[in-house]
Amino acid sequence: MKARTAGIVSYITWIGWIIALINADADDEFVKHHLNQALVINICATVCGAISGALAWIPIIRVFSGIVFGFIGLVIFIMAIAGIVSASNNSTKPLPVIGDIKLMK
């Protein structure tokens, strides 16, 4: 898999991230950069989804948490789109909020 393709695929949910991790060159800095950012996005989406699902059982804060986590989900989606655009342009510019978080070496 080419580096640019792996960078794009890595932002498409956990399945795309795993496919890019397995099929891409592990030593390529471009791929590492996009795999790291996609990992952070996927972890944020998973955690926010779990918290939102748990809070949906509480009747008093159900509506408020739905609005807040709906907005957070939209921000996560926009960051994933920005990551896809960055990977398709062969750029390693970090994403705004999560760009400095390094989970992969």
PDB file of N, CA and C in Angstrom:
ATOM      1  N   MET A   1       0.848  -1.169   0.000  1.00  0.00           N
ATOM      2  CA  MET A   1       0.000   0.000   0.000  1.00  0.00           C
ATOM      3  C   MET A   1       0.895   1.234   0.000  1.00  0.00           C
ATOM      4  N   LYS A   2       0.570   2.183  -0.836  1.00  0.00           N
ATOM      5  CA  LYS A   2       1.337   3.421  -0.890  1.00  0.00           C
ATOM      6  C   LYS A   2       1.121   4.231   0.385  1.00  0.00           C
ATOM      7  N   ALA A   3       2.072   5.082   0.670  1.00  0.00           N
ATOM      8  CA  ALA A   3       2.020   5.869   1.908  1.00  0.00           C
ATOM      9  C   ALA A   3       0.804   6.792   1.921  1.00  0.00           C
ATOM     10  N   ARG A   4       0.529   7.440   0.808  1.00  0.00           N
ATOM     11  CA  ARG A   4      -0.604   8.363   0.765  1.00  0.00           C
ATOM     12  C   ARG A   4      -1.922   7.617   0.958  1.00  0.00           C
ATOM     13  N   THR A   5      -2.056   6.474   0.337  1.00  0.00           N
ATOM     14  CA  THR A   5      -3.270   5.665   0.495  1.00  0.00           C
ATOM     15  C   THR A   5      -3.420   5.196   1.937  1.00  0.00           C
ATOM     16  N   ALA A   6      -2.329   4.756   2.542  1.00  0.00           N
ATOM     17  CA  ALA A   6      -2.374   4.320   3.941  1.00  0.00           C
ATOM     18  C   ALA A   6      -2.763   5.472   4.858  1.00  0.00           C
ATOM     19  N   GLY A   7      -2.259   6.672   4.573  1.00  0.00           N
ATOM     20  CA  GLY A   7      -2.617   7.840   5.373  1.00  0.00           C
ATOM     21  C   GLY A   7      -4.094   8.157   5.287  1.00  0.00           C
ATOM     22  N   ILE A   8      -4.661   8.039   4.096  1.00  0.00           N
ATOM     23  CA  ILE A   8      -6.085   8.323   3.911  1.00  0.00           C
ATOM     24  C   ILE A   8      -6.934   7.256   4.587  1.00  0.00           C
ATOM     25  N   VAL A   9      -6.602   5.986   4.356  1.00  0.00           N
ATOM     26  CA  VAL A   9      -7.389   4.875   4.898  1.00  0.00           C
ATOM     27  C   VAL A   9      -7.349   4.847   6.422  1.00  0.00           C
ATOM     28  N   SER A  10      -6.263   5.299   7.005  1.00  0.00           N
ATOM     29  CA  SER A  10      -6.130   5.238   8.468  1.00  0.00           C
ATOM     30  C   SER A  10      -7.186   6.065   9.197  1.00  0.00           C
ATOM     31  N   TYR A  11      -7.735   7.064   8.549  1.00  0.00           N
ATOM     32  CA  TYR A  11      -8.741   7.912   9.205  1.00  0.00           C
ATOM     33  C   TYR A  11     -10.159   7.335   9.119  1.00  0.00           C
ATOM     34  N   ILE A  12     -10.329   6.236   8.401  1.00  0.00           N
ATOM     35  CA  ILE A  12     -11.666   5.677   8.189  1.00  0.00           C
ATOM     36  C   ILE A  12     -11.936   4.613   9.253  1.00  0.00           C
ATOM     37  N   THR A  13     -12.365   4.997  10.387  1.00  0.00           N
ATOM     38  CA  THR A  13     -12.713   4.170  11.550  1.00  0.00           C
ATOM     39  C   THR A  13     -11.568   3.257  11.979  1.00  0.00           C
ATOM     40  N   TRP A  14     -11.861   2.412  12.944  1.00  0.00           N
ATOM     41  CA  TRP A  14     -10.851   1.490  13.466  1.00  0.00           C
ATOM     42  C   TRP A  14     -10.425   0.476  12.406  1.00  0.00           C
ATOM     43  N   ILE A  15     -11.360   0.042  11.586  1.00  0.00           N
ATOM     44  CA  ILE A  15     -11.035  -0.955  10.563  1.00  0.00           C
ATOM     45  C   ILE A  15     -10.021  -0.397   9.574  1.00  0.00           C
ATOM     46  N   GLY A  16     -10.235   0.814   9.117  1.00  0.00           N
ATOM     47  CA  GLY A  16      -9.277   1.446   8.213  1.00  0.00           C
ATOM     48  C   GLY A  16      -7.928   1.646   8.872  1.00  0.00           C
ATOM     49  N   TRP A  17      -7.934   1.996  10.153  1.00  0.00           N
ATOM     50  CA  TRP A  17      -6.673   2.190  10.871  1.00  0.00           C
ATOM     51  C   TRP A  17      -5.890   0.883  10.951  1.00  0.00           C
ATOM     52  N   ILE A  18      -6.579  -0.216  11.247  1.00  0.00           N
ATOM     53  CA  ILE A  18      -5.913  -1.517  11.335  1.00  0.00           C
ATOM     54  C   ILE A  18      -5.387  -1.951   9.968  1.00  0.00           C
ATOM     55  N   ILE A  19      -6.171  -1.739   8.912  1.00  0.00           N
ATOM     56  CA  ILE A  19      -5.727  -2.081   7.561  1.00  0.00           C
ATOM     57  C   ILE A  19      -4.481  -1.285   7.194  1.00  0.00           C
ATOM     58  N   ALA A  20      -4.486   0.004   7.487  1.00  0.00           N
ATOM     59  CA  ALA A  20      -3.321   0.838   7.176  1.00  0.00           C
ATOM     60  C   ALA A  20      -2.114   0.422   8.009  1.00  0.00           C
ATOM     61  N   LEU A  21      -2.329   0.063   9.260  1.00  0.00           N
ATOM     62  CA  LEU A  21      -1.237  -0.365  10.126  1.00  0.00           C
ATOM     63  C   LEU A  21      -0.591  -1.651   9.615  1.00  0.00           C
ATOM     64  N   ILE A  22      -1.400  -2.589   9.157  1.00  0.00           N
ATOM     65  CA  ILE A  22      -0.894  -3.876   8.693  1.00  0.00           C
ATOM     66  C   ILE A  22      -0.224  -3.763   7.323  1.00  0.00           C
ATOM     67  N   ASN A  23      -0.825  -3.009   6.411  1.00  0.00           N
ATOM     68  CA  ASN A  23      -0.366  -2.994   5.027  1.00  0.00           C
ATOM     69  C   ASN A  23       0.659  -1.914   4.689  1.00  0.00           C
ATOM     70  N   ALA A  24       0.849  -0.949   5.540  1.00  0.00           N
ATOM     71  CA  ALA A  24       1.743   0.169   5.207  1.00  0.00           C
ATOM     72  C   ALA A  24       3.164  -0.104   5.683  1.00  0.00           C
ATOM     73  N   ASP A  25       4.085   0.686   5.154  1.00  0.00           N
ATOM     74  CA  ASP A  25       5.484   0.608   5.557  1.00  0.00           C
ATOM     75  C   ASP A  25       5.622   1.213   6.959  1.00  0.00           C
ATOM     76  N   ALA A  26       6.076   0.419   7.906  1.00  0.00           N
ATOM     77  CA  ALA A  26       6.144   0.856   9.302  1.00  0.00           C
ATOM     78  C   ALA A  26       7.227   1.894   9.554  1.00  0.00           C
ATOM     79  N   ASP A  27       8.191   2.014   8.650  1.00  0.00           N
ATOM     80  CA  ASP A  27       9.292   2.949   8.852  1.00  0.00           C
ATOM     81  C   ASP A  27       9.065   4.309   8.203  1.00  0.00           C
ATOM     82  N   ASP A  28       8.000   4.459   7.459  1.00  0.00           N
ATOM     83  CA  ASP A  28       7.721   5.712   6.759  1.00  0.00           C
ATOM     84  C   ASP A  28       7.166   6.743   7.745  1.00  0.00           C
ATOM     85  N   GLU A  29       7.832   7.886   7.856  1.00  0.00           N
ATOM     86  CA  GLU A  29       7.411   8.940   8.802  1.00  0.00           C
ATOM     87  C   GLU A  29       6.037   9.511   8.438  1.00  0.00           C
ATOM     88  N   PHE A  30       5.732   9.606   7.163  1.00  0.00           N
ATOM     89  CA  PHE A  30       4.428  10.111   6.712  1.00  0.00           C
ATOM     90  C   PHE A  30       3.310   9.200   7.226  1.00  0.00           C
ATOM     91  N   VAL A  31       3.483   7.907   7.060  1.00  0.00           N
ATOM     92  CA  VAL A  31       2.480   6.941   7.513  1.00  0.00           C
ATOM     93  C   VAL A  31       2.372   6.958   9.033  1.00  0.00           C
ATOM     94  N   LYS A  32       3.500   7.000   9.730  1.00  0.00           N
ATOM     95  CA  LYS A  32       3.486   7.058  11.196  1.00  0.00           C
ATOM     96  C   LYS A  32       2.708   8.267  11.702  1.00  0.00           C
ATOM     97  N   HIS A  33       2.939   9.410  11.055  1.00  0.00           N
ATOM     98  CA  HIS A  33       2.268  10.642  11.458  1.00  0.00           C
ATOM     99  C   HIS A  33       0.745  10.487  11.348  1.00  0.00           C
ATOM    100  N   HIS A  34       0.287   9.992  10.211  1.00  0.00           N
ATOM    101  CA  HIS A  34      -1.163   9.882  10.006  1.00  0.00           C
ATOM    102  C   HIS A  34      -1.774   8.737  10.815  1.00  0.00           C
ATOM    103  N   LEU A  35      -1.038   7.661  11.010  1.00  0.00           N
ATOM    104  CA  LEU A  35      -1.533   6.598  11.890  1.00  0.00           C
ATOM    105  C   LEU A  35      -1.693   7.102  13.320  1.00  0.00           C
ATOM    106  N   ASN A  36      -0.755   7.902  13.782  1.00  0.00           N
ATOM    107  CA  ASN A  36      -0.835   8.451  15.134  1.00  0.00           C
ATOM    108  C   ASN A  36      -2.044   9.375  15.284  1.00  0.00           C
ATOM    109  N   GLN A  37      -2.220  10.279  14.344  1.00  0.00           N
ATOM    110  CA  GLN A  37      -3.345  11.211  14.450  1.00  0.00           C
ATOM    111  C   GLN A  37      -4.679  10.478  14.330  1.00  0.00           C
ATOM    112  N   ALA A  38      -4.751   9.484  13.444  1.00  0.00           N
ATOM    113  CA  ALA A  38      -5.985   8.716  13.306  1.00  0.00           C
ATOM    114  C   ALA A  38      -6.261   7.894  14.564  1.00  0.00           C
ATOM    115  N   LEU A  39      -5.204   7.395  15.205  1.00  0.00           N
ATOM    116  CA  LEU A  39      -5.374   6.656  16.462  1.00  0.00           C
ATOM    117  C   LEU A  39      -5.975   7.549  17.535  1.00  0.00           C
ATOM    118  N   VAL A  40      -5.483   8.762  17.651  1.00  0.00           N
ATOM    119  CA  VAL A  40      -6.013   9.698  18.650  1.00  0.00           C
ATOM    120  C   VAL A  40      -7.477  10.020  18.351  1.00  0.00           C
ATOM    121  N   ILE A  41      -7.802  10.242  17.086  1.00  0.00           N
ATOM    122  CA  ILE A  41      -9.192  10.525  16.700  1.00  0.00           C
ATOM    123  C   ILE A  41     -10.090   9.340  17.033  1.00  0.00           C
ATOM    124  N   ASN A  42      -9.644   8.126  16.703  1.00  0.00           N
ATOM    125  CA  ASN A  42     -10.450   6.938  16.973  1.00  0.00           C
ATOM    126  C   ASN A  42     -10.642   6.698  18.465  1.00  0.00           C
ATOM    127  N   ILE A  43      -9.618   6.932  19.252  1.00  0.00           N
ATOM    128  CA  ILE A  43      -9.754   6.784  20.706  1.00  0.00           C
ATOM    129  C   ILE A  43     -10.732   7.821  21.253  1.00  0.00           C
ATOM    130  N   CYS A  44     -10.622   9.062  20.806  1.00  0.00           N
ATOM    131  CA  CYS A  44     -11.558  10.107  21.250  1.00  0.00           C
ATOM    132  C   CYS A  44     -12.995   9.756  20.878  1.00  0.00           C
ATOM    133  N   ALA A  45     -13.201   9.267  19.669  1.00  0.00           N
ATOM    134  CA  ALA A  45     -14.546   8.903  19.225  1.00  0.00           C
ATOM    135  C   ALA A  45     -15.107   7.744  20.044  1.00  0.00           C
ATOM    136  N   THR A  46     -14.278   6.761  20.334  1.00  0.00           N
ATOM    137  CA  THR A  46     -14.725   5.608  21.109  1.00  0.00           C
ATOM    138  C   THR A  46     -15.071   6.005  22.542  1.00  0.00           C
ATOM    139  N   VAL A  47     -14.212   6.792  23.170  1.00  0.00           N
ATOM    140  CA  VAL A  47     -14.461   7.225  24.545  1.00  0.00           C
ATOM    141  C   VAL A  47     -15.711   8.105  24.626  1.00  0.00           C
ATOM    142  N   CYS A  48     -15.835   9.042  23.707  1.00  0.00           N
ATOM    143  CA  CYS A  48     -17.014   9.918  23.712  1.00  0.00           C
ATOM    144  C   CYS A  48     -18.292   9.127  23.455  1.00  0.00           C
ATOM    145  N   GLY A  49     -18.228   8.144  22.573  1.00  0.00           N
ATOM    146  CA  GLY A  49     -19.395   7.297  22.321  1.00  0.00           C
ATOM    147  C   GLY A  49     -19.797   6.492  23.541  1.00  0.00           C
ATOM    148  N   ALA A  50     -18.814   5.970  24.253  1.00  0.00           N
ATOM    149  CA  ALA A  50     -19.099   5.189  25.460  1.00  0.00           C
ATOM    150  C   ALA A  50     -19.703   6.070  26.556  1.00  0.00           C
ATOM    151  N   ILE A  51     -19.136   7.239  26.744  1.00  0.00           N
ATOM    152  CA  ILE A  51     -19.664   8.148  27.768  1.00  0.00           C
ATOM    153  C   ILE A  51     -21.062   8.615  27.397  1.00  0.00           C
ATOM    154  N   SER A  52     -21.269   8.939  26.138  1.00  0.00           N
ATOM    155  CA  SER A  52     -22.583   9.381  25.677  1.00  0.00           C
ATOM    156  C   SER A  52     -23.618   8.279  25.858  1.00  0.00           C
ATOM    157  N   GLY A  53     -23.242   7.052  25.544  1.00  0.00           N
ATOM    158  CA  GLY A  53     -24.158   5.929  25.721  1.00  0.00           C
ATOM    159  C   GLY A  53     -24.502   5.693  27.180  1.00  0.00           C
ATOM    160  N   ALA A  54     -23.530   5.857  28.044  1.00  0.00           N
ATOM    161  CA  ALA A  54     -23.787   5.671  29.473  1.00  0.00           C
ATOM    162  C   ALA A  54     -24.681   6.776  30.021  1.00  0.00           C
ATOM    163  N   LEU A  55     -24.441   8.012  29.584  1.00  0.00           N
ATOM    164  CA  LEU A  55     -25.256   9.129  30.076  1.00  0.00           C
ATOM    165  C   LEU A  55     -26.665   9.132  29.493  1.00  0.00           C
ATOM    166  N   ALA A  56     -26.870   8.427  28.399  1.00  0.00           N
ATOM    167  CA  ALA A  56     -28.203   8.369  27.789  1.00  0.00           C
ATOM    168  C   ALA A  56     -29.196   7.614  28.666  1.00  0.00           C
ATOM    169  N   TRP A  57     -28.716   6.843  29.606  1.00  0.00           N
ATOM    170  CA  TRP A  57     -29.590   6.115  30.517  1.00  0.00           C
ATOM    171  C   TRP A  57     -30.105   6.988  31.655  1.00  0.00           C
ATOM    172  N   ILE A  58     -29.527   8.149  31.854  1.00  0.00           N
ATOM    173  CA  ILE A  58     -29.932   9.036  32.948  1.00  0.00           C
ATOM    174  C   ILE A  58     -30.930  10.053  32.379  1.00  0.00           C
ATOM    175  N   PRO A  59     -32.197   9.972  32.767  1.00  0.00           N
ATOM    176  CA  PRO A  59     -33.230  10.808  32.141  1.00  0.00           C
ATOM    177  C   PRO A  59     -33.004  12.314  32.275  1.00  0.00           C
ATOM    178  N   ILE A  60     -32.473  12.779  33.383  1.00  0.00           N
ATOM    179  CA  ILE A  60     -32.362  14.208  33.614  1.00  0.00           C
ATOM    180  C   ILE A  60     -31.341  14.860  32.681  1.00  0.00           C
ATOM    181  N   ILE A  61     -30.242  14.181  32.436  1.00  0.00           N
ATOM    182  CA  ILE A  61     -29.193  14.801  31.618  1.00  0.00           C
ATOM    183  C   ILE A  61     -29.105  14.226  30.205  1.00  0.00           C
ATOM    184  N   ARG A  62     -30.080  13.422  29.807  1.00  0.00           N
ATOM    185  CA  ARG A  62     -30.076  12.781  28.496  1.00  0.00           C
ATOM    186  C   ARG A  62     -30.016  13.795  27.357  1.00  0.00           C
ATOM    187  N   VAL A  63     -30.859  14.806  27.397  1.00  0.00           N
ATOM    188  CA  VAL A  63     -30.918  15.792  26.316  1.00  0.00           C
ATOM    189  C   VAL A  63     -29.653  16.633  26.275  1.00  0.00           C
ATOM    190  N   PHE A  64     -29.219  17.110  27.425  1.00  0.00           N
ATOM    191  CA  PHE A  64     -28.007  17.934  27.482  1.00  0.00           C
ATOM    192  C   PHE A  64     -26.786  17.156  26.998  1.00  0.00           C
ATOM    193  N   SER A  65     -26.647  15.918  27.462  1.00  0.00           N
ATOM    194  CA  SER A  65     -25.490  15.125  27.034  1.00  0.00           C
ATOM    195  C   SER A  65     -25.581  14.796  25.551  1.00  0.00           C
ATOM    196  N   GLY A  66     -26.788  14.611  25.034  1.00  0.00           N
ATOM    197  CA  GLY A  66     -26.957  14.366  23.603  1.00  0.00           C
ATOM    198  C   GLY A  66     -26.495  15.546  22.763  1.00  0.00           C
ATOM    199  N   ILE A  67     -26.806  16.738  23.215  1.00  0.00           N
ATOM    200  CA  ILE A  67     -26.378  17.946  22.497  1.00  0.00           C
ATOM    201  C   ILE A  67     -24.861  18.105  22.580  1.00  0.00           C
ATOM    202  N   VAL A  68     -24.310  17.961  23.774  1.00  0.00           N
ATOM    203  CA  VAL A  68     -22.862  18.140  23.964  1.00  0.00           C
ATOM    204  C   VAL A  68     -22.076  17.100  23.180  1.00  0.00           C
ATOM    205  N   PHE A  69     -22.449  15.830  23.316  1.00  0.00           N
ATOM    206  CA  PHE A  69     -21.689  14.792  22.627  1.00  0.00           C
ATOM    207  C   PHE A  69     -21.979  14.761  21.134  1.00  0.00           C
ATOM    208  N   GLY A  70     -23.129  15.264  20.721  1.00  0.00           N
ATOM    209  CA  GLY A  70     -23.382  15.434  19.291  1.00  0.00           C
ATOM    210  C   GLY A  70     -22.436  16.455  18.692  1.00  0.00           C
ATOM    211  N   PHE A  71     -22.225  17.552  19.413  1.00  0.00           N
ATOM    212  CA  PHE A  71     -21.268  18.566  18.963  1.00  0.00           C
ATOM    213  C   PHE A  71     -19.840  18.021  18.952  1.00  0.00           C
ATOM    214  N   ILE A  72     -19.471  17.279  19.993  1.00  0.00           N
ATOM    215  CA  ILE A  72     -18.133  16.691  20.055  1.00  0.00           C
ATOM    216  C   ILE A  72     -17.946  15.691  18.913  1.00  0.00           C
ATOM    217  N   GLY A  73     -18.973  14.906  18.623  1.00  0.00           N
ATOM    218  CA  GLY A  73     -18.904  13.972  17.506  1.00  0.00           C
ATOM    219  C   GLY A  73     -18.720  14.676  16.174  1.00  0.00           C
ATOM    220  N   LEU A  74     -19.374  15.814  16.010  1.00  0.00           N
ATOM    221  CA  LEU A  74     -19.208  16.609  14.793  1.00  0.00           C
ATOM    222  C   LEU A  74     -17.783  17.140  14.674  1.00  0.00           C
ATOM    223  N   VAL A  75     -17.211  17.587  15.783  1.00  0.00           N
ATOM    224  CA  VAL A  75     -15.821  18.068  15.781  1.00  0.00           C
ATOM    225  C   VAL A  75     -14.864  16.935  15.434  1.00  0.00           C
ATOM    226  N   ILE A  76     -15.095  15.756  15.976  1.00  0.00           N
ATOM    227  CA  ILE A  76     -14.250  14.597  15.673  1.00  0.00           C
ATOM    228  C   ILE A  76     -14.360  14.245  14.193  1.00  0.00           C
ATOM    229  N   PHE A  77     -15.563  14.281  13.641  1.00  0.00           N
ATOM    230  CA  PHE A  77     -15.764  14.002  12.217  1.00  0.00           C
ATOM    231  C   PHE A  77     -15.029  15.019  11.345  1.00  0.00           C
ATOM    232  N   ILE A  78     -15.102  16.283  11.717  1.00  0.00           N
ATOM    233  CA  ILE A  78     -14.410  17.332  10.948  1.00  0.00           C
ATOM    234  C   ILE A  78     -12.898  17.142  11.028  1.00  0.00           C
ATOM    235  N   MET A  79     -12.386  16.742  12.192  1.00  0.00           N
ATOM    236  CA  MET A  79     -10.948  16.487  12.304  1.00  0.00           C
ATOM    237  C   MET A  79     -10.528  15.305  11.435  1.00  0.00           C
ATOM    238  N   ALA A  80     -11.375  14.276  11.350  1.00  0.00           N
ATOM    239  CA  ALA A  80     -11.054  13.133  10.489  1.00  0.00           C
ATOM    240  C   ALA A  80     -11.028  13.554   9.024  1.00  0.00           C
ATOM    241  N   ILE A  81     -11.966  14.383   8.618  1.00  0.00           N
ATOM    242  CA  ILE A  81     -11.981  14.894   7.239  1.00  0.00           C
ATOM    243  C   ILE A  81     -10.739  15.742   6.985  1.00  0.00           C
ATOM    244  N   ALA A  82     -10.365  16.566   7.944  1.00  0.00           N
ATOM    245  CA  ALA A  82      -9.148  17.386   7.798  1.00  0.00           C
ATOM    246  C   ALA A  82      -7.915  16.494   7.690  1.00  0.00           C
ATOM    247  N   GLY A  83      -7.881  15.403   8.422  1.00  0.00           N
ATOM    248  CA  GLY A  83      -6.773  14.458   8.327  1.00  0.00           C
ATOM    249  C   GLY A  83      -6.725  13.779   6.975  1.00  0.00           C
ATOM    250  N   ILE A  84      -7.868  13.420   6.428  1.00  0.00           N
ATOM    251  CA  ILE A  84      -7.928  12.816   5.096  1.00  0.00           C
ATOM    252  C   ILE A  84      -7.432  13.799   4.047  1.00  0.00           C
ATOM    253  N   VAL A  85      -7.855  15.049   4.158  1.00  0.00           N
ATOM    254  CA  VAL A  85      -7.405  16.076   3.213  1.00  0.00           C
ATOM    255  C   VAL A  85      -5.898  16.286   3.339  1.00  0.00           C
ATOM    256  N   SER A  86      -5.396  16.309   4.560  1.00  0.00           N
ATOM    257  CA  SER A  86      -3.960  16.476   4.782  1.00  0.00           C
ATOM    258  C   SER A  86      -3.176  15.309   4.184  1.00  0.00           C
ATOM    259  N   ALA A  87      -3.659  14.093   4.375  1.00  0.00           N
ATOM    260  CA  ALA A  87      -2.978  12.921   3.825  1.00  0.00           C
ATOM    261  C   ALA A  87      -3.040  12.910   2.302  1.00  0.00           C
ATOM    262  N   SER A  88      -4.152  13.336   1.740  1.00  0.00           N
ATOM    263  CA  SER A  88      -4.263  13.341   0.274  1.00  0.00           C
ATOM    264  C   SER A  88      -3.393  14.423  -0.357  1.00  0.00           C
ATOM    265  N   ASN A  89      -3.043  15.448   0.403  1.00  0.00           N
ATOM    266  CA  ASN A  89      -2.158  16.505  -0.093  1.00  0.00           C
ATOM    267  C   ASN A  89      -0.688  16.245   0.253  1.00  0.00           C
ATOM    268  N   ASN A  90      -0.381  15.053   0.748  1.00  0.00           N
ATOM    269  CA  ASN A  90       0.986  14.679   1.155  1.00  0.00           C
ATOM    270  C   ASN A  90       1.560  15.634   2.194  1.00  0.00           C
ATOM    271  N   SER A  91       0.737  16.075   3.113  1.00  0.00           N
ATOM    272  CA  SER A  91       1.158  17.007   4.150  1.00  0.00           C
ATOM    273  C   SER A  91       1.250  16.287   5.496  1.00  0.00           C
ATOM    274  N   THR A  92       2.200  16.703   6.307  1.00  0.00           N
ATOM    275  CA  THR A  92       2.300  16.179   7.671  1.00  0.00           C
ATOM    276  C   THR A  92       2.029  17.270   8.697  1.00  0.00           C
ATOM    277  N   LYS A  93       1.253  18.240   8.302  1.00  0.00           N
ATOM    278  CA  LYS A  93       0.866  19.316   9.218  1.00  0.00           C
ATOM    279  C   LYS A  93      -0.060  18.732  10.289  1.00  0.00           C
ATOM    280  N   PRO A  94       0.247  18.969  11.572  1.00  0.00           N
ATOM    281  CA  PRO A  94      -0.588  18.398  12.638  1.00  0.00           C
ATOM    282  C   PRO A  94      -1.983  19.015  12.677  1.00  0.00           C
ATOM    283  N   LEU A  95      -2.948  18.209  13.098  1.00  0.00           N
ATOM    284  CA  LEU A  95      -4.315  18.689  13.241  1.00  0.00           C
ATOM    285  C   LEU A  95      -4.397  19.656  14.418  1.00  0.00           C
ATOM    286  N   PRO A  96      -5.376  20.559  14.422  1.00  0.00           N
ATOM    287  CA  PRO A  96      -5.417  21.631  15.421  1.00  0.00           C
ATOM    288  C   PRO A  96      -5.379  21.209  16.885  1.00  0.00           C
ATOM    289  N   VAL A  97      -6.289  20.407  17.343  1.00  0.00           N
ATOM    290  CA  VAL A  97      -6.397  20.138  18.777  1.00  0.00           C
ATOM    291  C   VAL A  97      -5.523  18.961  19.198  1.00  0.00           C
ATOM    292  N   ILE A  98      -5.448  17.947  18.360  1.00  0.00           N
ATOM    293  CA  ILE A  98      -4.787  16.698  18.752  1.00  0.00           C
ATOM    294  C   ILE A  98      -3.414  16.513  18.134  1.00  0.00           C
ATOM    295  N   GLY A  99      -2.938  17.469  17.387  1.00  0.00           N
ATOM    296  CA  GLY A  99      -1.705  17.320  16.627  1.00  0.00           C
ATOM    297  C   GLY A  99      -0.466  17.061  17.459  1.00  0.00           C
ATOM    298  N   ASP A 100      -0.446  17.508  18.702  1.00  0.00           N
ATOM    299  CA  ASP A 100       0.750  17.358  19.529  1.00  0.00           C
ATOM    300  C   ASP A 100       0.750  16.062  20.362  1.00  0.00           C
ATOM    301  N   ILE A 101      -0.331  15.316  20.320  1.00  0.00           N
ATOM    302  CA  ILE A 101      -0.425  14.072  21.099  1.00  0.00           C
ATOM    303  C   ILE A 101       0.263  12.963  20.309  1.00  0.00           C
ATOM    304  N   LYS A 102       1.252  12.336  20.910  1.00  0.00           N
ATOM    305  CA  LYS A 102       2.006  11.260  20.262  1.00  0.00           C
ATOM    306  C   LYS A 102       1.772   9.966  21.038  1.00  0.00           C
ATOM    307  N   LEU A 103       1.034   9.032  20.458  1.00  0.00           N
ATOM    308  CA  LEU A 103       0.806   7.743  21.078  1.00  0.00           C
ATOM    309  C   LEU A 103       1.649   6.644  20.448  1.00  0.00           C
ATOM    310  N   MET A 104       2.069   6.870  19.207  1.00  0.00           N
ATOM    311  CA  MET A 104       2.901   5.893  18.489  1.00  0.00           C
ATOM    312  C   MET A 104       4.285   6.495  18.265  1.00  0.00           C
ATOM    313  N   LYS A 105       5.301   5.656  18.350  1.00  0.00           N
ATOM    314  CA  LYS A 105       6.668   6.130  18.107  1.00  0.00           C
ATOM    315  C   LYS A 105       7.149   5.660  16.776  1.00  0.00           C
TER     316      LYS A 105
END
